[in-house]
Amino acid sequence: MTQILNEKKSAVTIDARGPRFSAVLTTLVLATALATANLWVISAQAIVFAIGAFRGPQFTPYALIFRSFIKPRLKSAAIPEDIRPPQFAQSVGLLFALAAIAGSITGISALFVVAVSCALAAAFLNAAFNFCLGCEVYLLLLRVR
């Protein structure tokens, strides 16, 4: 039990409102990608997902926008959240974006549509209802492990 508490203390935390704001922008980008079937739009989102997956969600361009323009205008105190679940969610988003890119490059439009739609659904759940599907999967995997 002490080891778990020590891990919790040493974990990096972020403002939980940041990932929700990022989910709003991600929803808009993914909806644009789905509507236009544009390889460049999904590639740009894949880069954002990659930054979030490998460096952390606090280093994405969306987080920079949140920190610079949105957070200073919020009156309530920051809501701390462990970084690991949102970072895992970014990894899952990256997998879907890479699948969409593969579908676009190979001409398998159904793969593109399904992959972007899945990522869009997850981003929308987070943006609209504050339900991070990737975070929930991360916590479920921790419990199973």
C-alpha atoms as a PDB file:
ATOM      1  CA  MET A   1       0.000   0.000   0.000  1.00  0.00           C
ATOM      2  CA  THR A   2       2.859   2.379   0.817  1.00  0.00           C
ATOM      3  CA  GLN A   3       4.375   1.784  -2.610  1.00  0.00           C
ATOM      4  CA  ILE A   4       1.095   2.730  -4.298  1.00  0.00           C
ATOM      5  CA  LEU A   5       0.861   5.912  -2.220  1.00  0.00           C
ATOM      6  CA  ASN A   6       4.470   6.801  -3.032  1.00  0.00           C
ATOM      7  CA  GLU A   7       3.748   6.295  -6.728  1.00  0.00           C
ATOM      8  CA  LYS A   8       0.709   8.536  -6.427  1.00  0.00           C
ATOM      9  CA  LYS A   9       2.739  11.297  -4.749  1.00  0.00           C
ATOM     10  CA  SER A  10       5.461  11.234  -7.371  1.00  0.00           C
ATOM     11  CA  ALA A  11       3.066  11.202 -10.336  1.00  0.00           C
ATOM     12  CA  VAL A  12       2.910  14.324 -12.482  1.00  0.00           C
ATOM     13  CA  THR A  13      -0.446  16.072 -12.394  1.00  0.00           C
ATOM     14  CA  ILE A  14      -2.145  18.391 -14.847  1.00  0.00           C
ATOM     15  CA  ASP A  15      -5.224  20.604 -14.738  1.00  0.00           C
ATOM     16  CA  ALA A  16      -8.092  18.258 -15.646  1.00  0.00           C
ATOM     17  CA  ARG A  17      -9.854  21.043 -17.556  1.00  0.00           C
ATOM     18  CA  GLY A  18      -7.011  21.075 -20.126  1.00  0.00           C
ATOM     19  CA  PRO A  19      -7.683  17.634 -21.618  1.00  0.00           C
ATOM     20  CA  ARG A  20     -11.386  18.455 -21.885  1.00  0.00           C
ATOM     21  CA  PHE A  21     -10.574  21.651 -23.797  1.00  0.00           C
ATOM     22  CA  SER A  22      -8.197  19.640 -25.980  1.00  0.00           C
ATOM     23  CA  ALA A  23     -11.004  17.155 -26.616  1.00  0.00           C
ATOM     24  CA  VAL A  24     -13.156  19.983 -27.965  1.00  0.00           C
ATOM     25  CA  LEU A  25     -10.447  20.962 -30.454  1.00  0.00           C
ATOM     26  CA  THR A  26      -9.777  17.315 -31.289  1.00  0.00           C
ATOM     27  CA  THR A  27     -13.492  16.801 -31.963  1.00  0.00           C
ATOM     28  CA  LEU A  28     -13.488  19.723 -34.393  1.00  0.00           C
ATOM     29  CA  VAL A  29     -10.355  18.487 -36.187  1.00  0.00           C
ATOM     30  CA  LEU A  30     -11.597  14.895 -36.425  1.00  0.00           C
ATOM     31  CA  ALA A  31     -15.021  16.010 -37.662  1.00  0.00           C
ATOM     32  CA  THR A  32     -13.256  18.049 -40.343  1.00  0.00           C
ATOM     33  CA  ALA A  33     -11.103  15.053 -41.272  1.00  0.00           C
ATOM     34  CA  LEU A  34     -14.162  12.820 -41.510  1.00  0.00           C
ATOM     35  CA  ALA A  35     -16.178  15.324 -43.543  1.00  0.00           C
ATOM     36  CA  THR A  36     -13.371  16.057 -46.000  1.00  0.00           C
ATOM     37  CA  ALA A  37     -11.539  12.695 -45.965  1.00  0.00           C
ATOM     38  CA  ASN A  38      -8.387  14.794 -45.953  1.00  0.00           C
ATOM     39  CA  LEU A  39      -5.134  12.960 -45.265  1.00  0.00           C
ATOM     40  CA  TRP A  40      -3.377  16.148 -44.121  1.00  0.00           C
ATOM     41  CA  VAL A  41      -5.966  16.965 -41.471  1.00  0.00           C
ATOM     42  CA  ILE A  42      -5.776  13.505 -39.891  1.00  0.00           C
ATOM     43  CA  SER A  43      -1.972  13.616 -40.167  1.00  0.00           C
ATOM     44  CA  ALA A  44      -1.888  16.892 -38.244  1.00  0.00           C
ATOM     45  CA  GLN A  45      -4.083  15.360 -35.548  1.00  0.00           C
ATOM     46  CA  ALA A  46      -1.835  12.281 -35.472  1.00  0.00           C
ATOM     47  CA  ILE A  47       1.118  14.581 -34.721  1.00  0.00           C
ATOM     48  CA  VAL A  48      -0.814  16.137 -31.835  1.00  0.00           C
ATOM     49  CA  PHE A  49      -1.674  12.655 -30.543  1.00  0.00           C
ATOM     50  CA  ALA A  50       1.983  11.588 -30.858  1.00  0.00           C
ATOM     51  CA  ILE A  51       3.179  14.570 -28.828  1.00  0.00           C
ATOM     52  CA  GLY A  52       0.577  13.790 -26.174  1.00  0.00           C
ATOM     53  CA  ALA A  53       1.434  10.097 -26.139  1.00  0.00           C
ATOM     54  CA  PHE A  54       5.217  10.393 -25.993  1.00  0.00           C
ATOM     55  CA  ARG A  55       5.864  13.696 -24.186  1.00  0.00           C
ATOM     56  CA  GLY A  56       2.592  14.137 -22.333  1.00  0.00           C
ATOM     57  CA  PRO A  57      -0.679  15.930 -23.003  1.00  0.00           C
ATOM     58  CA  GLN A  58       0.651  19.086 -21.343  1.00  0.00           C
ATOM     59  CA  PHE A  59       3.072  19.554 -24.273  1.00  0.00           C
ATOM     60  CA  THR A  60       0.526  19.471 -27.115  1.00  0.00           C
ATOM     61  CA  PRO A  61      -0.349  22.617 -29.078  1.00  0.00           C
ATOM     62  CA  TYR A  62      -3.875  22.367 -27.653  1.00  0.00           C
ATOM     63  CA  ALA A  63      -2.474  22.483 -24.106  1.00  0.00           C
ATOM     64  CA  LEU A  64      -0.453  25.551 -25.046  1.00  0.00           C
ATOM     65  CA  ILE A  65      -3.634  27.282 -26.225  1.00  0.00           C
ATOM     66  CA  PHE A  66      -5.385  26.251 -22.996  1.00  0.00           C
ATOM     67  CA  ARG A  67      -2.550  27.515 -20.775  1.00  0.00           C
ATOM     68  CA  SER A  68      -2.132  30.780 -22.679  1.00  0.00           C
ATOM     69  CA  PHE A  69      -5.679  31.862 -23.405  1.00  0.00           C
ATOM     70  CA  ILE A  70      -8.242  29.800 -21.475  1.00  0.00           C
ATOM     71  CA  LYS A  71      -6.758  29.000 -18.061  1.00  0.00           C
ATOM     72  CA  PRO A  72      -5.969  32.641 -17.116  1.00  0.00           C
ATOM     73  CA  ARG A  73      -9.653  33.493 -17.633  1.00  0.00           C
ATOM     74  CA  LEU A  74     -10.988  30.674 -15.443  1.00  0.00           C
ATOM     75  CA  LYS A  75     -11.972  31.757 -11.946  1.00  0.00           C
ATOM     76  CA  SER A  76     -12.014  28.375 -10.214  1.00  0.00           C
ATOM     77  CA  ALA A  77      -8.915  26.629  -8.923  1.00  0.00           C
ATOM     78  CA  ALA A  78      -7.127  24.055 -11.045  1.00  0.00           C
ATOM     79  CA  ILE A  79      -8.430  20.503 -10.755  1.00  0.00           C
ATOM     80  CA  PRO A  80      -5.397  18.177 -10.448  1.00  0.00           C
ATOM     81  CA  GLU A  81      -5.414  14.955 -12.445  1.00  0.00           C
ATOM     82  CA  ASP A  82      -2.817  12.234 -12.813  1.00  0.00           C
ATOM     83  CA  ILE A  83      -1.163  12.510 -16.216  1.00  0.00           C
ATOM     84  CA  ARG A  84      -1.011   8.784 -16.966  1.00  0.00           C
ATOM     85  CA  PRO A  85      -4.658   8.150 -17.990  1.00  0.00           C
ATOM     86  CA  PRO A  86      -4.822  11.121 -20.428  1.00  0.00           C
ATOM     87  CA  GLN A  87      -1.424  10.148 -21.840  1.00  0.00           C
ATOM     88  CA  PHE A  88      -2.701   6.617 -22.440  1.00  0.00           C
ATOM     89  CA  ALA A  89      -5.802   8.079 -24.109  1.00  0.00           C
ATOM     90  CA  GLN A  90      -3.522  10.067 -26.421  1.00  0.00           C
ATOM     91  CA  SER A  91      -1.763   6.801 -27.333  1.00  0.00           C
ATOM     92  CA  VAL A  92      -5.082   5.190 -28.217  1.00  0.00           C
ATOM     93  CA  GLY A  93      -5.990   8.232 -30.309  1.00  0.00           C
ATOM     94  CA  LEU A  94      -2.650   7.937 -32.082  1.00  0.00           C
ATOM     95  CA  LEU A  95      -3.383   4.308 -32.975  1.00  0.00           C
ATOM     96  CA  PHE A  96      -6.724   5.289 -34.492  1.00  0.00           C
ATOM     97  CA  ALA A  97      -5.136   8.178 -36.393  1.00  0.00           C
ATOM     98  CA  LEU A  98      -2.410   5.897 -37.758  1.00  0.00           C
ATOM     99  CA  ALA A  99      -5.048   3.390 -38.848  1.00  0.00           C
ATOM    100  CA  ALA A 100      -6.920   6.213 -40.605  1.00  0.00           C
ATOM    101  CA  ILE A 101      -3.723   7.334 -42.336  1.00  0.00           C
ATOM    102  CA  ALA A 102      -3.048   3.760 -43.451  1.00  0.00           C
ATOM    103  CA  GLY A 103      -6.590   3.523 -44.810  1.00  0.00           C
ATOM    104  CA  SER A 104      -6.199   6.777 -46.705  1.00  0.00           C
ATOM    105  CA  ILE A 105      -2.823   5.847 -48.188  1.00  0.00           C
ATOM    106  CA  THR A 106      -3.914   2.359 -49.248  1.00  0.00           C
ATOM    107  CA  GLY A 107      -7.247   3.550 -50.601  1.00  0.00           C
ATOM    108  CA  ILE A 108      -9.303   1.608 -48.060  1.00  0.00           C
ATOM    109  CA  SER A 109     -11.786   4.360 -47.348  1.00  0.00           C
ATOM    110  CA  ALA A 110     -13.806   2.179 -44.947  1.00  0.00           C
ATOM    111  CA  LEU A 111     -10.752   1.870 -42.671  1.00  0.00           C
ATOM    112  CA  PHE A 112     -10.307   5.645 -42.750  1.00  0.00           C
ATOM    113  CA  VAL A 113     -13.962   6.287 -41.918  1.00  0.00           C
ATOM    114  CA  VAL A 114     -14.147   3.704 -39.119  1.00  0.00           C
ATOM    115  CA  ALA A 115     -10.864   4.783 -37.488  1.00  0.00           C
ATOM    116  CA  VAL A 116     -11.683   8.498 -37.601  1.00  0.00           C
ATOM    117  CA  SER A 117     -15.236   7.822 -36.401  1.00  0.00           C
ATOM    118  CA  CYS A 118     -14.011   5.846 -33.388  1.00  0.00           C
ATOM    119  CA  ALA A 119     -11.539   8.561 -32.431  1.00  0.00           C
ATOM    120  CA  LEU A 120     -14.211  11.209 -32.999  1.00  0.00           C
ATOM    121  CA  ALA A 121     -16.693   9.383 -30.777  1.00  0.00           C
ATOM    122  CA  ALA A 122     -14.150   9.139 -27.945  1.00  0.00           C
ATOM    123  CA  ALA A 123     -13.152  12.808 -28.280  1.00  0.00           C
ATOM    124  CA  PHE A 124     -16.800  13.874 -28.340  1.00  0.00           C
ATOM    125  CA  LEU A 125     -17.562  11.880 -25.179  1.00  0.00           C
ATOM    126  CA  ASN A 126     -14.771  13.730 -23.397  1.00  0.00           C
ATOM    127  CA  ALA A 127     -15.680  17.141 -24.810  1.00  0.00           C
ATOM    128  CA  ALA A 128     -19.429  16.948 -24.240  1.00  0.00           C
ATOM    129  CA  PHE A 129     -19.784  14.753 -21.164  1.00  0.00           C
ATOM    130  CA  ASN A 130     -16.336  14.864 -19.500  1.00  0.00           C
ATOM    131  CA  PHE A 131     -16.085  11.098 -19.978  1.00  0.00           C
ATOM    132  CA  CYS A 132     -12.598  10.113 -21.117  1.00  0.00           C
ATOM    133  CA  LEU A 133     -12.989   6.674 -22.669  1.00  0.00           C
ATOM    134  CA  GLY A 134      -9.225   6.132 -22.971  1.00  0.00           C
ATOM    135  CA  CYS A 135      -8.767   7.100 -19.317  1.00  0.00           C
ATOM    136  CA  GLU A 136     -11.421   4.618 -18.262  1.00  0.00           C
ATOM    137  CA  VAL A 137      -9.751   1.859 -20.295  1.00  0.00           C
ATOM    138  CA  TYR A 138      -6.428   2.751 -18.631  1.00  0.00           C
ATOM    139  CA  LEU A 139      -7.976   2.433 -15.153  1.00  0.00           C
ATOM    140  CA  LEU A 140      -9.671  -0.834 -16.125  1.00  0.00           C
ATOM    141  CA  LEU A 141      -6.331  -2.235 -17.322  1.00  0.00           C
ATOM    142  CA  LEU A 142      -4.725  -1.203 -14.013  1.00  0.00           C
ATOM    143  CA  ARG A 143      -7.411  -3.044 -12.065  1.00  0.00           C
ATOM    144  CA  VAL A 144      -7.005  -6.167 -14.220  1.00  0.00           C
ATOM    145  CA  ARG A 145      -3.244  -6.065 -13.819  1.00  0.00           C
END
